[in-house]
PDB file of N, CA and C in Angstrom:
ATOM      1  N   MET A   1       0.034  -6.854 -16.960  1.00  0.00           N
ATOM      2  CA  MET A   1      -0.736  -5.757 -16.404  1.00  0.00           C
ATOM      3  C   MET A   1      -1.381  -6.160 -15.075  1.00  0.00           C
ATOM      4  N   ILE A   2      -1.793  -7.427 -14.999  1.00  0.00           N
ATOM      5  CA  ILE A   2      -2.406  -7.895 -13.756  1.00  0.00           C
ATOM      6  C   ILE A   2      -1.380  -7.867 -12.626  1.00  0.00           C
ATOM      7  N   TRP A   3      -0.138  -8.274 -12.918  1.00  0.00           N
ATOM      8  CA  TRP A   3       0.894  -8.254 -11.882  1.00  0.00           C
ATOM      9  C   TRP A   3       1.168  -6.839 -11.413  1.00  0.00           C
ATOM     10  N   PHE A   4       1.176  -5.898 -12.373  1.00  0.00           N
ATOM     11  CA  PHE A   4       1.409  -4.509 -11.985  1.00  0.00           C
ATOM     12  C   PHE A   4       0.312  -4.027 -11.045  1.00  0.00           C
ATOM     13  N   LEU A   5      -0.952  -4.269 -11.401  1.00  0.00           N
ATOM     14  CA  LEU A   5      -2.059  -3.833 -10.546  1.00  0.00           C
ATOM     15  C   LEU A   5      -2.018  -4.513  -9.185  1.00  0.00           C
ATOM     16  N   LEU A   6      -1.648  -5.793  -9.179  1.00  0.00           N
ATOM     17  CA  LEU A   6      -1.561  -6.534  -7.918  1.00  0.00           C
ATOM     18  C   LEU A   6      -0.504  -5.918  -7.002  1.00  0.00           C
ATOM     19  N   ILE A   7       0.678  -5.707  -7.540  1.00  0.00           N
ATOM     20  CA  ILE A   7       1.765  -5.178  -6.723  1.00  0.00           C
ATOM     21  C   ILE A   7       1.523  -3.711  -6.381  1.00  0.00           C
ATOM     22  N   TRP A   8       1.004  -2.938  -7.336  1.00  0.00           N
ATOM     23  CA  TRP A   8       0.721  -1.525  -7.081  1.00  0.00           C
ATOM     24  C   TRP A   8      -0.316  -1.351  -5.980  1.00  0.00           C
ATOM     25  N   SER A   9      -1.409  -2.115  -6.050  1.00  0.00           N
ATOM     26  CA  SER A   9      -2.460  -1.966  -5.034  1.00  0.00           C
ATOM     27  C   SER A   9      -1.958  -2.392  -3.657  1.00  0.00           C
ATOM     28  N   LEU A  10      -1.151  -3.430  -3.610  1.00  0.00           N
ATOM     29  CA  LEU A  10      -0.625  -3.891  -2.324  1.00  0.00           C
ATOM     30  C   LEU A  10       0.377  -2.893  -1.737  1.00  0.00           C
ATOM     31  N   THR A  11       1.252  -2.352  -2.564  1.00  0.00           N
ATOM     32  CA  THR A  11       2.206  -1.374  -2.042  1.00  0.00           C
ATOM     33  C   THR A  11       1.520  -0.050  -1.698  1.00  0.00           C
ATOM     34  N   SER A  12       0.505   0.318  -2.452  1.00  0.00           N
ATOM     35  CA  SER A  12      -0.246   1.538  -2.108  1.00  0.00           C
ATOM     36  C   SER A  12      -0.945   1.370  -0.769  1.00  0.00           C
ATOM     37  N   PHE A  13      -1.549   0.199  -0.557  1.00  0.00           N
ATOM     38  CA  PHE A  13      -2.190  -0.073   0.728  1.00  0.00           C
ATOM     39  C   PHE A  13      -1.163  -0.040   1.857  1.00  0.00           C
ATOM     40  N   GLY A  14       0.012  -0.619   1.615  1.00  0.00           N
ATOM     41  CA  GLY A  14       1.062  -0.607   2.628  1.00  0.00           C
ATOM     42  C   GLY A  14       1.534   0.794   2.972  1.00  0.00           C
ATOM     43  N   LEU A  15       1.669   1.635   1.958  1.00  0.00           N
ATOM     44  CA  LEU A  15       2.093   3.012   2.219  1.00  0.00           C
ATOM     45  C   LEU A  15       1.008   3.814   2.926  1.00  0.00           C
ATOM     46  N   ILE A  16      -0.246   3.542   2.605  1.00  0.00           N
ATOM     47  CA  ILE A  16      -1.343   4.203   3.322  1.00  0.00           C
ATOM     48  C   ILE A  16      -1.339   3.774   4.786  1.00  0.00           C
ATOM     49  N   ALA A  17      -1.090   2.484   5.028  1.00  0.00           N
ATOM     50  CA  ALA A  17      -1.028   1.999   6.410  1.00  0.00           C
ATOM     51  C   ALA A  17       0.156   2.619   7.153  1.00  0.00           C
ATOM     52  N   LEU A  18       1.299   2.737   6.483  1.00  0.00           N
ATOM     53  CA  LEU A  18       2.449   3.386   7.122  1.00  0.00           C
ATOM     54  C   LEU A  18       2.163   4.851   7.415  1.00  0.00           C
ATOM     55  N   ALA A  19       1.493   5.524   6.500  1.00  0.00           N
ATOM     56  CA  ALA A  19       1.127   6.925   6.748  1.00  0.00           C
ATOM     57  C   ALA A  19       0.155   7.030   7.915  1.00  0.00           C
ATOM     58  N   SER A  20      -0.719   6.039   8.058  1.00  0.00           N
ATOM     59  CA  SER A  20      -1.663   6.043   9.177  1.00  0.00           C
ATOM     60  C   SER A  20      -0.958   5.842  10.511  1.00  0.00           C
ATOM     61  N   GLY A  21       0.253   5.342  10.481  1.00  0.00           N
ATOM     62  CA  GLY A  21       1.020   5.160  11.701  1.00  0.00           C
ATOM     63  C   GLY A  21       1.786   6.395  12.139  1.00  0.00           C
ATOM     64  N   MET A  22       1.797   7.439  11.319  1.00  0.00           N
ATOM     65  CA  MET A  22       2.502   8.679  11.658  1.00  0.00           C
ATOM     66  C   MET A  22       1.527   9.675  12.271  1.00  0.00           C
ATOM     67  N   SER A  23       1.946  10.319  13.350  1.00  0.00           N
ATOM     68  CA  SER A  23       1.026  11.199  14.080  1.00  0.00           C
ATOM     69  C   SER A  23       0.533  12.364  13.223  1.00  0.00           C
ATOM     70  N   LYS A  24       1.390  12.896  12.374  1.00  0.00           N
ATOM     71  CA  LYS A  24       0.985  14.010  11.514  1.00  0.00           C
ATOM     72  C   LYS A  24      -0.168  13.591  10.592  1.00  0.00           C
ATOM     73  N   HIS A  25      -0.042  12.418  10.009  1.00  0.00           N
ATOM     74  CA  HIS A  25      -1.080  11.942   9.095  1.00  0.00           C
ATOM     75  C   HIS A  25      -2.300  11.418   9.847  1.00  0.00           C
ATOM     76  N   GLN A  26      -2.116  10.959  11.075  1.00  0.00           N
ATOM     77  CA  GLN A  26      -3.274  10.535  11.869  1.00  0.00           C
ATOM     78  C   GLN A  26      -4.212  11.703  12.106  1.00  0.00           C
ATOM     79  N   LYS A  27      -3.650  12.859  12.427  1.00  0.00           N
ATOM     80  CA  LYS A  27      -4.486  14.050  12.609  1.00  0.00           C
ATOM     81  C   LYS A  27      -5.169  14.436  11.304  1.00  0.00           C
ATOM     82  N   GLN A  28      -4.482  14.223  10.208  1.00  0.00           N
ATOM     83  CA  GLN A  28      -5.007  14.569   8.900  1.00  0.00           C
ATOM     84  C   GLN A  28      -6.107  13.599   8.461  1.00  0.00           C
ATOM     85  N   ILE A  29      -5.926  12.320   8.736  1.00  0.00           N
ATOM     86  CA  ILE A  29      -6.868  11.292   8.279  1.00  0.00           C
ATOM     87  C   ILE A  29      -8.019  11.110   9.262  1.00  0.00           C
ATOM     88  N   PHE A  30      -7.687  10.935  10.542  1.00  0.00           N
ATOM     89  CA  PHE A  30      -8.690  10.589  11.549  1.00  0.00           C
ATOM     90  C   PHE A  30      -9.125  11.770  12.409  1.00  0.00           C
ATOM     91  N   ALA A  31      -8.527  12.925  12.222  1.00  0.00           N
ATOM     92  CA  ALA A  31      -8.801  14.148  12.995  1.00  0.00           C
ATOM     93  C   ALA A  31      -8.368  14.029  14.457  1.00  0.00           C
ATOM     94  N   GLN A  32      -7.638  13.000  14.798  1.00  0.00           N
ATOM     95  CA  GLN A  32      -7.077  12.821  16.137  1.00  0.00           C
ATOM     96  C   GLN A  32      -5.951  11.805  16.041  1.00  0.00           C
ATOM     97  N   GLU A  33      -5.138  11.761  17.070  1.00  0.00           N
ATOM     98  CA  GLU A  33      -4.070  10.764  17.095  1.00  0.00           C
ATOM     99  C   GLU A  33      -4.612   9.448  17.625  1.00  0.00           C
ATOM    100  N   LEU A  34      -4.121   8.351  17.063  1.00  0.00           N
ATOM    101  CA  LEU A  34      -4.519   7.023  17.524  1.00  0.00           C
ATOM    102  C   LEU A  34      -3.690   6.638  18.745  1.00  0.00           C
ATOM    103  N   ASP A  35      -4.180   5.654  19.493  1.00  0.00           N
ATOM    104  CA  ASP A  35      -3.388   5.195  20.628  1.00  0.00           C
ATOM    105  C   ASP A  35      -2.199   4.373  20.119  1.00  0.00           C
ATOM    106  N   VAL A  36      -1.312   4.027  21.026  1.00  0.00           N
ATOM    107  CA  VAL A  36      -0.047   3.392  20.667  1.00  0.00           C
ATOM    108  C   VAL A  36      -0.262   2.043  19.992  1.00  0.00           C
ATOM    109  N   HIS A  37      -1.216   1.254  20.476  1.00  0.00           N
ATOM    110  CA  HIS A  37      -1.438  -0.077  19.921  1.00  0.00           C
ATOM    111  C   HIS A  37      -1.942  -0.004  18.483  1.00  0.00           C
ATOM    112  N   LYS A  38      -2.850   0.907  18.207  1.00  0.00           N
ATOM    113  CA  LYS A  38      -3.355   1.065  16.840  1.00  0.00           C
ATOM    114  C   LYS A  38      -2.274   1.613  15.914  1.00  0.00           C
ATOM    115  N   THR A  39      -1.418   2.454  16.448  1.00  0.00           N
ATOM    116  CA  THR A  39      -0.311   2.978  15.650  1.00  0.00           C
ATOM    117  C   THR A  39       0.648   1.860  15.272  1.00  0.00           C
ATOM    118  N   TYR A  40       1.020   1.017  16.234  1.00  0.00           N
ATOM    119  CA  TYR A  40       1.903  -0.111  15.945  1.00  0.00           C
ATOM    120  C   TYR A  40       1.246  -1.099  14.991  1.00  0.00           C
ATOM    121  N   LEU A  41      -0.061  -1.290  15.115  1.00  0.00           N
ATOM    122  CA  LEU A  41      -0.779  -2.179  14.206  1.00  0.00           C
ATOM    123  C   LEU A  41      -0.740  -1.639  12.780  1.00  0.00           C
ATOM    124  N   ALA A  42      -0.961  -0.345  12.614  1.00  0.00           N
ATOM    125  CA  ALA A  42      -0.928   0.263  11.281  1.00  0.00           C
ATOM    126  C   ALA A  42       0.465   0.153  10.668  1.00  0.00           C
ATOM    127  N   ILE A  43       1.483   0.403  11.468  1.00  0.00           N
ATOM    128  CA  ILE A  43       2.856   0.306  10.968  1.00  0.00           C
ATOM    129  C   ILE A  43       3.190  -1.132  10.589  1.00  0.00           C
ATOM    130  N   SER A  44       2.770  -2.094  11.410  1.00  0.00           N
ATOM    131  CA  SER A  44       3.029  -3.506  11.118  1.00  0.00           C
ATOM    132  C   SER A  44       2.331  -3.943   9.839  1.00  0.00           C
ATOM    133  N   ILE A  45       1.075  -3.551   9.683  1.00  0.00           N
ATOM    134  CA  ILE A  45       0.329  -3.901   8.468  1.00  0.00           C
ATOM    135  C   ILE A  45       0.996  -3.278   7.243  1.00  0.00           C
ATOM    136  N   GLY A  46       1.483  -2.058   7.387  1.00  0.00           N
ATOM    137  CA  GLY A  46       2.161  -1.400   6.276  1.00  0.00           C
ATOM    138  C   GLY A  46       3.415  -2.133   5.837  1.00  0.00           C
ATOM    139  N   TRP A  47       4.264  -2.480   6.795  1.00  0.00           N
ATOM    140  CA  TRP A  47       5.500  -3.180   6.447  1.00  0.00           C
ATOM    141  C   TRP A  47       5.228  -4.574   5.902  1.00  0.00           C
ATOM    142  N   ILE A  48       4.243  -5.268   6.457  1.00  0.00           N
ATOM    143  CA  ILE A  48       3.902  -6.603   5.960  1.00  0.00           C
ATOM    144  C   ILE A  48       3.378  -6.517   4.532  1.00  0.00           C
ATOM    145  N   SER A  49       2.556  -5.518   4.244  1.00  0.00           N
ATOM    146  CA  SER A  49       2.037  -5.346   2.884  1.00  0.00           C
ATOM    147  C   SER A  49       3.165  -5.064   1.894  1.00  0.00           C
ATOM    148  N   LEU A  50       4.101  -4.220   2.288  1.00  0.00           N
ATOM    149  CA  LEU A  50       5.232  -3.938   1.404  1.00  0.00           C
ATOM    150  C   LEU A  50       6.095  -5.178   1.190  1.00  0.00           C
ATOM    151  N   LEU A  51       6.300  -5.959   2.234  1.00  0.00           N
ATOM    152  CA  LEU A  51       7.095  -7.178   2.116  1.00  0.00           C
ATOM    153  C   LEU A  51       6.405  -8.209   1.232  1.00  0.00           C
ATOM    154  N   VAL A  52       5.097  -8.367   1.382  1.00  0.00           N
ATOM    155  CA  VAL A  52       4.351  -9.304   0.534  1.00  0.00           C
ATOM    156  C   VAL A  52       4.401  -8.847  -0.924  1.00  0.00           C
ATOM    157  N   GLY A  53       4.320  -7.540  -1.152  1.00  0.00           N
ATOM    158  CA  GLY A  53       4.451  -7.015  -2.510  1.00  0.00           C
ATOM    159  C   GLY A  53       5.818  -7.312  -3.105  1.00  0.00           C
ATOM    160  N   LEU A  54       6.865  -7.186  -2.297  1.00  0.00           N
ATOM    161  CA  LEU A  54       8.215  -7.507  -2.761  1.00  0.00           C
ATOM    162  C   LEU A  54       8.337  -8.988  -3.094  1.00  0.00           C
ATOM    163  N   ILE A  55       7.804  -9.843  -2.240  1.00  0.00           N
ATOM    164  CA  ILE A  55       7.869 -11.286  -2.483  1.00  0.00           C
ATOM    165  C   ILE A  55       7.095 -11.649  -3.745  1.00  0.00           C
ATOM    166  N   ALA A  56       5.920 -11.053  -3.933  1.00  0.00           N
ATOM    167  CA  ALA A  56       5.134 -11.319  -5.142  1.00  0.00           C
ATOM    168  C   ALA A  56       5.877 -10.853  -6.385  1.00  0.00           C
ATOM    169  N   SER A  57       6.551  -9.731  -6.283  1.00  0.00           N
ATOM    170  CA  SER A  57       7.312  -9.216  -7.417  1.00  0.00           C
ATOM    171  C   SER A  57       8.494 -10.123  -7.750  1.00  0.00           C
ATOM    172  N   ILE A  58       9.153 -10.647  -6.737  1.00  0.00           N
ATOM    173  CA  ILE A  58      10.279 -11.552  -6.965  1.00  0.00           C
ATOM    174  C   ILE A  58       9.790 -12.879  -7.530  1.00  0.00           C
ATOM    175  N   LEU A  59       8.647 -13.372  -7.065  1.00  0.00           N
ATOM    176  CA  LEU A  59       8.119 -14.638  -7.570  1.00  0.00           C
ATOM    177  C   LEU A  59       7.669 -14.538  -9.022  1.00  0.00           C
ATOM    178  N   GLN A  60       7.325 -13.343  -9.455  1.00  0.00           N
ATOM    179  CA  GLN A  60       6.905 -13.147 -10.832  1.00  0.00           C
ATOM    180  C   GLN A  60       8.069 -13.399 -11.790  1.00  0.00           C
ATOM    181  N   SER A  61       9.255 -13.012 -11.405  1.00  0.00           N
ATOM    182  CA  SER A  61      10.441 -13.187 -12.244  1.00  0.00           C
ATOM    183  C   SER A  61      11.615 -13.516 -11.326  1.00  0.00           C
ATOM    184  N   ASN A  62      12.821 -13.333 -11.813  1.00  0.00           N
ATOM    185  CA  ASN A  62      13.958 -13.611 -10.935  1.00  0.00           C
ATOM    186  C   ASN A  62      14.181 -12.452  -9.962  1.00  0.00           C
ATOM    187  N   ILE A  63      15.152 -12.600  -9.081  1.00  0.00           N
ATOM    188  CA  ILE A  63      15.288 -11.661  -7.964  1.00  0.00           C
ATOM    189  C   ILE A  63      15.712 -10.263  -8.414  1.00  0.00           C
ATOM    190  N   SER A  64      16.618 -10.161  -9.382  1.00  0.00           N
ATOM    191  CA  SER A  64      17.092  -8.828  -9.776  1.00  0.00           C
ATOM    192  C   SER A  64      16.011  -8.038 -10.508  1.00  0.00           C
ATOM    193  N   ILE A  65      15.313  -8.667 -11.410  1.00  0.00           N
ATOM    194  CA  ILE A  65      14.230  -7.981 -12.124  1.00  0.00           C
ATOM    195  C   ILE A  65      13.064  -7.726 -11.181  1.00  0.00           C
ATOM    196  N   GLY A  66      12.779  -8.655 -10.283  1.00  0.00           N
ATOM    197  CA  GLY A  66      11.678  -8.497  -9.340  1.00  0.00           C
ATOM    198  C   GLY A  66      11.872  -7.311  -8.406  1.00  0.00           C
ATOM    199  N   ILE A  67      13.080  -7.150  -7.893  1.00  0.00           N
ATOM    200  CA  ILE A  67      13.350  -6.018  -7.001  1.00  0.00           C
ATOM    201  C   ILE A  67      13.263  -4.699  -7.766  1.00  0.00           C
ATOM    202  N   SER A  68      13.800  -4.669  -8.979  1.00  0.00           N
ATOM    203  CA  SER A  68      13.716  -3.449  -9.795  1.00  0.00           C
ATOM    204  C   SER A  68      12.268  -3.108 -10.123  1.00  0.00           C
ATOM    205  N   TYR A  69      11.489  -4.120 -10.459  1.00  0.00           N
ATOM    206  CA  TYR A  69      10.071  -3.918 -10.771  1.00  0.00           C
ATOM    207  C   TYR A  69       9.326  -3.400  -9.541  1.00  0.00           C
ATOM    208  N   TRP A  70       9.647  -3.959  -8.372  1.00  0.00           N
ATOM    209  CA  TRP A  70       8.992  -3.542  -7.132  1.00  0.00           C
ATOM    210  C   TRP A  70       9.348  -2.102  -6.778  1.00  0.00           C
ATOM    211  N   ILE A  71      10.599  -1.723  -6.976  1.00  0.00           N
ATOM    212  CA  ILE A  71      11.007  -0.348  -6.676  1.00  0.00           C
ATOM    213  C   ILE A  71      10.298   0.633  -7.606  1.00  0.00           C
ATOM    214  N   GLY A  72      10.156   0.271  -8.880  1.00  0.00           N
ATOM    215  CA  GLY A  72       9.411   1.123  -9.801  1.00  0.00           C
ATOM    216  C   GLY A  72       7.952   1.253  -9.407  1.00  0.00           C
ATOM    217  N   THR A  73       7.348   0.143  -9.037  1.00  0.00           N
ATOM    218  CA  THR A  73       5.953   0.165  -8.603  1.00  0.00           C
ATOM    219  C   THR A  73       5.812   0.923  -7.285  1.00  0.00           C
ATOM    220  N   LEU A  74       6.771   0.762  -6.402  1.00  0.00           N
ATOM    221  CA  LEU A  74       6.765   1.481  -5.127  1.00  0.00           C
ATOM    222  C   LEU A  74       6.851   2.991  -5.346  1.00  0.00           C
ATOM    223  N   THR A  75       7.616   3.395  -6.336  1.00  0.00           N
ATOM    224  CA  THR A  75       7.723   4.820  -6.652  1.00  0.00           C
ATOM    225  C   THR A  75       6.383   5.384  -7.106  1.00  0.00           C
ATOM    226  N   LEU A  76       5.703   4.664  -7.994  1.00  0.00           N
ATOM    227  CA  LEU A  76       4.382   5.111  -8.448  1.00  0.00           C
ATOM    228  C   LEU A  76       3.367   5.101  -7.304  1.00  0.00           C
ATOM    229  N   SER A  77       3.465   4.109  -6.438  1.00  0.00           N
ATOM    230  CA  SER A  77       2.564   4.044  -5.287  1.00  0.00           C
ATOM    231  C   SER A  77       2.805   5.210  -4.333  1.00  0.00           C
ATOM    232  N   ALA A  78       4.062   5.550  -4.124  1.00  0.00           N
ATOM    233  CA  ALA A  78       4.380   6.678  -3.239  1.00  0.00           C
ATOM    234  C   ALA A  78       3.834   7.982  -3.807  1.00  0.00           C
ATOM    235  N   LEU A  79       3.954   8.164  -5.108  1.00  0.00           N
ATOM    236  CA  LEU A  79       3.398   9.358  -5.742  1.00  0.00           C
ATOM    237  C   LEU A  79       1.883   9.397  -5.583  1.00  0.00           C
ATOM    238  N   PHE A  80       1.239   8.254  -5.788  1.00  0.00           N
ATOM    239  CA  PHE A  80      -0.216   8.166  -5.650  1.00  0.00           C
ATOM    240  C   PHE A  80      -0.661   8.490  -4.224  1.00  0.00           C
ATOM    241  N   VAL A  81       0.002   7.903  -3.239  1.00  0.00           N
ATOM    242  CA  VAL A  81      -0.377   8.124  -1.838  1.00  0.00           C
ATOM    243  C   VAL A  81      -0.096   9.570  -1.427  1.00  0.00           C
ATOM    244  N   CYS A  82       1.006  10.136  -1.889  1.00  0.00           N
ATOM    245  CA  CYS A  82       1.290  11.550  -1.574  1.00  0.00           C
ATOM    246  C   CYS A  82       0.217  12.465  -2.140  1.00  0.00           C
ATOM    247  N   LEU A  83      -0.205  12.216  -3.370  1.00  0.00           N
ATOM    248  CA  LEU A  83      -1.262  13.035  -3.961  1.00  0.00           C
ATOM    249  C   LEU A  83      -2.583  12.854  -3.221  1.00  0.00           C
ATOM    250  N   CYS A  84      -2.881  11.618  -2.827  1.00  0.00           N
ATOM    251  CA  CYS A  84      -4.121  11.367  -2.075  1.00  0.00           C
ATOM    252  C   CYS A  84      -4.087  12.060  -0.718  1.00  0.00           C
ATOM    253  N   LEU A  85      -2.951  11.995  -0.026  1.00  0.00           N
ATOM    254  CA  LEU A  85      -2.843  12.652   1.279  1.00  0.00           C
ATOM    255  C   LEU A  85      -2.884  14.169   1.157  1.00  0.00           C
ATOM    256  N   THR A  86      -2.460  14.681   0.024  1.00  0.00           N
ATOM    257  CA  THR A  86      -2.475  16.129  -0.167  1.00  0.00           C
ATOM    258  C   THR A  86      -3.865  16.645  -0.499  1.00  0.00           C
ATOM    259  N   TYR A  87      -4.560  15.946  -1.384  1.00  0.00           N
ATOM    260  CA  TYR A  87      -5.806  16.496  -1.907  1.00  0.00           C
ATOM    261  C   TYR A  87      -7.077  15.852  -1.363  1.00  0.00           C
ATOM    262  N   ILE A  88      -7.026  14.581  -0.983  1.00  0.00           N
ATOM    263  CA  ILE A  88      -8.240  13.914  -0.484  1.00  0.00           C
ATOM    264  C   ILE A  88      -7.936  13.119   0.787  1.00  0.00           C
ATOM    265  N   ALA A  89      -7.302  13.752   1.740  1.00  0.00           N
ATOM    266  CA  ALA A  89      -6.895  13.058   2.967  1.00  0.00           C
ATOM    267  C   ALA A  89      -8.089  12.541   3.752  1.00  0.00           C
ATOM    268  N   ASN A  90      -9.217  13.225   3.669  1.00  0.00           N
ATOM    269  CA  ASN A  90     -10.387  12.770   4.424  1.00  0.00           C
ATOM    270  C   ASN A  90     -11.025  11.528   3.803  1.00  0.00           C
ATOM    271  N   LYS A  91     -10.643  11.163   2.585  1.00  0.00           N
ATOM    272  CA  LYS A  91     -11.195   9.973   1.931  1.00  0.00           C
ATOM    273  C   LYS A  91     -10.144   8.878   1.745  1.00  0.00           C
ATOM    274  N   ILE A  92      -9.051   8.953   2.480  1.00  0.00           N
ATOM    275  CA  ILE A  92      -7.963   8.001   2.292  1.00  0.00           C
ATOM    276  C   ILE A  92      -8.361   6.588   2.721  1.00  0.00           C
ATOM    277  N   THR A  93      -9.281   6.461   3.674  1.00  0.00           N
ATOM    278  CA  THR A  93      -9.732   5.120   4.059  1.00  0.00           C
ATOM    279  C   THR A  93     -10.500   4.471   2.913  1.00  0.00           C
ATOM    280  N   GLN A  94     -11.263   5.247   2.175  1.00  0.00           N
ATOM    281  CA  GLN A  94     -11.964   4.706   1.009  1.00  0.00           C
ATOM    282  C   GLN A  94     -10.975   4.317  -0.085  1.00  0.00           C
ATOM    283  N   VAL A  95      -9.916   5.086  -0.231  1.00  0.00           N
ATOM    284  CA  VAL A  95      -8.873   4.750  -1.199  1.00  0.00           C
ATOM    285  C   VAL A  95      -8.198   3.439  -0.802  1.00  0.00           C
ATOM    286  N   ALA A  96      -7.958   3.243   0.487  1.00  0.00           N
ATOM    287  CA  ALA A  96      -7.350   1.999   0.963  1.00  0.00           C
ATOM    288  C   ALA A  96      -8.263   0.807   0.695  1.00  0.00           C
ATOM    289  N   ILE A  97      -9.564   0.988   0.871  1.00  0.00           N
ATOM    290  CA  ILE A  97     -10.515  -0.094   0.592  1.00  0.00           C
ATOM    291  C   ILE A  97     -10.514  -0.430  -0.893  1.00  0.00           C
ATOM    292  N   VAL A  98     -10.473   0.585  -1.740  1.00  0.00           N
ATOM    293  CA  VAL A  98     -10.419   0.351  -3.186  1.00  0.00           C
ATOM    294  C   VAL A  98      -9.129  -0.372  -3.562  1.00  0.00           C
ATOM    295  N   CYS A  99      -8.022  -0.020  -2.931  1.00  0.00           N
ATOM    296  CA  CYS A  99      -6.756  -0.718  -3.188  1.00  0.00           C
ATOM    297  C   CYS A  99      -6.857  -2.193  -2.818  1.00  0.00           C
ATOM    298  N   MET A 100      -7.499  -2.491  -1.699  1.00  0.00           N
ATOM    299  CA  MET A 100      -7.654  -3.896  -1.310  1.00  0.00           C
ATOM    300  C   MET A 100      -8.598  -4.637  -2.255  1.00  0.00           C
ATOM    301  N   ILE A 101      -9.643  -3.981  -2.741  1.00  0.00           N
ATOM    302  CA  ILE A 101     -10.546  -4.614  -3.708  1.00  0.00           C
ATOM    303  C   ILE A 101      -9.797  -4.914  -5.007  1.00  0.00           C
ATOM    304  N   ILE A 102      -8.978  -3.972  -5.462  1.00  0.00           N
ATOM    305  CA  ILE A 102      -8.174  -4.204  -6.663  1.00  0.00           C
ATOM    306  C   ILE A 102      -7.205  -5.353  -6.432  1.00  0.00           C
ATOM    307  N   PHE A 103      -6.588  -5.402  -5.251  1.00  0.00           N
ATOM    308  CA  PHE A 103      -5.655  -6.489  -4.944  1.00  0.00           C
ATOM    309  C   PHE A 103      -6.352  -7.841  -4.966  1.00  0.00           C
ATOM    310  N   ILE A 104      -7.490  -7.944  -4.311  1.00  0.00           N
ATOM    311  CA  ILE A 104      -8.214  -9.221  -4.261  1.00  0.00           C
ATOM    312  C   ILE A 104      -8.681  -9.631  -5.652  1.00  0.00           C
ATOM    313  N   THR A 105      -9.163  -8.673  -6.441  1.00  0.00           N
ATOM    314  CA  THR A 105      -9.626  -8.977  -7.794  1.00  0.00           C
ATOM    315  C   THR A 105      -8.479  -9.454  -8.677  1.00  0.00           C
ATOM    316  N   THR A 106      -7.359  -8.750  -8.651  1.00  0.00           N
ATOM    317  CA  THR A 106      -6.234  -9.156  -9.493  1.00  0.00           C
ATOM    318  C   THR A 106      -5.617 -10.468  -9.023  1.00  0.00           C
ATOM    319  N   LEU A 107      -5.602 -10.707  -7.725  1.00  0.00           N
ATOM    320  CA  LEU A 107      -5.102 -11.986  -7.223  1.00  0.00           C
ATOM    321  C   LEU A 107      -5.998 -13.124  -7.678  1.00  0.00           C
ATOM    322  N   THR A 108      -7.303 -12.907  -7.629  1.00  0.00           N
ATOM    323  CA  THR A 108      -8.243 -13.927  -8.095  1.00  0.00           C
ATOM    324  C   THR A 108      -8.058 -14.195  -9.583  1.00  0.00           C
ATOM    325  N   LEU A 109      -7.926 -13.146 -10.376  1.00  0.00           N
ATOM    326  CA  LEU A 109      -7.718 -13.322 -11.813  1.00  0.00           C
ATOM    327  C   LEU A 109      -6.397 -14.012 -12.113  1.00  0.00           C
ATOM    328  N   GLN A 110      -5.380 -13.737 -11.338  1.00  0.00           N
ATOM    329  CA  GLN A 110      -4.083 -14.363 -11.556  1.00  0.00           C
ATOM    330  C   GLN A 110      -4.115 -15.844 -11.195  1.00  0.00           C
ATOM    331  N   LEU A 111      -4.878 -16.203 -10.186  1.00  0.00           N
ATOM    332  CA  LEU A 111      -4.918 -17.602  -9.744  1.00  0.00           C
ATOM    333  C   LEU A 111      -5.834 -18.472 -10.598  1.00  0.00           C
ATOM    334  N   ILE A 112      -6.716 -17.835 -11.367  1.00  0.00           N
ATOM    335  CA  ILE A 112      -7.636 -18.622 -12.216  1.00  0.00           C
ATOM    336  C   ILE A 112      -6.894 -19.195 -13.392  1.00  0.00           C
TER     337      ILE A 112
END
């Protein structure tokens, strides 16, 4: 369960960051478009978070099960982020902070 929460929170954060890099969602989240550098930063953070989640999922088990597990978790994360962007877009930054707190907590518990 800890691995699921770890990977889910990291992929959810990555998808939120990727959504923050899209102009449509920037208007929805920040009420304005971000400049080019902040957009590239958000996209980079999103892809790095997704890649770290994939690596963590593969390290948990072998490569075939890890990729399948990551895709399943990614699907749930995408559903979560879509619902958040639809219904609570103005609070998505708080959702991202909660995702990072869950990630740090589960990582700490896993390393103990």
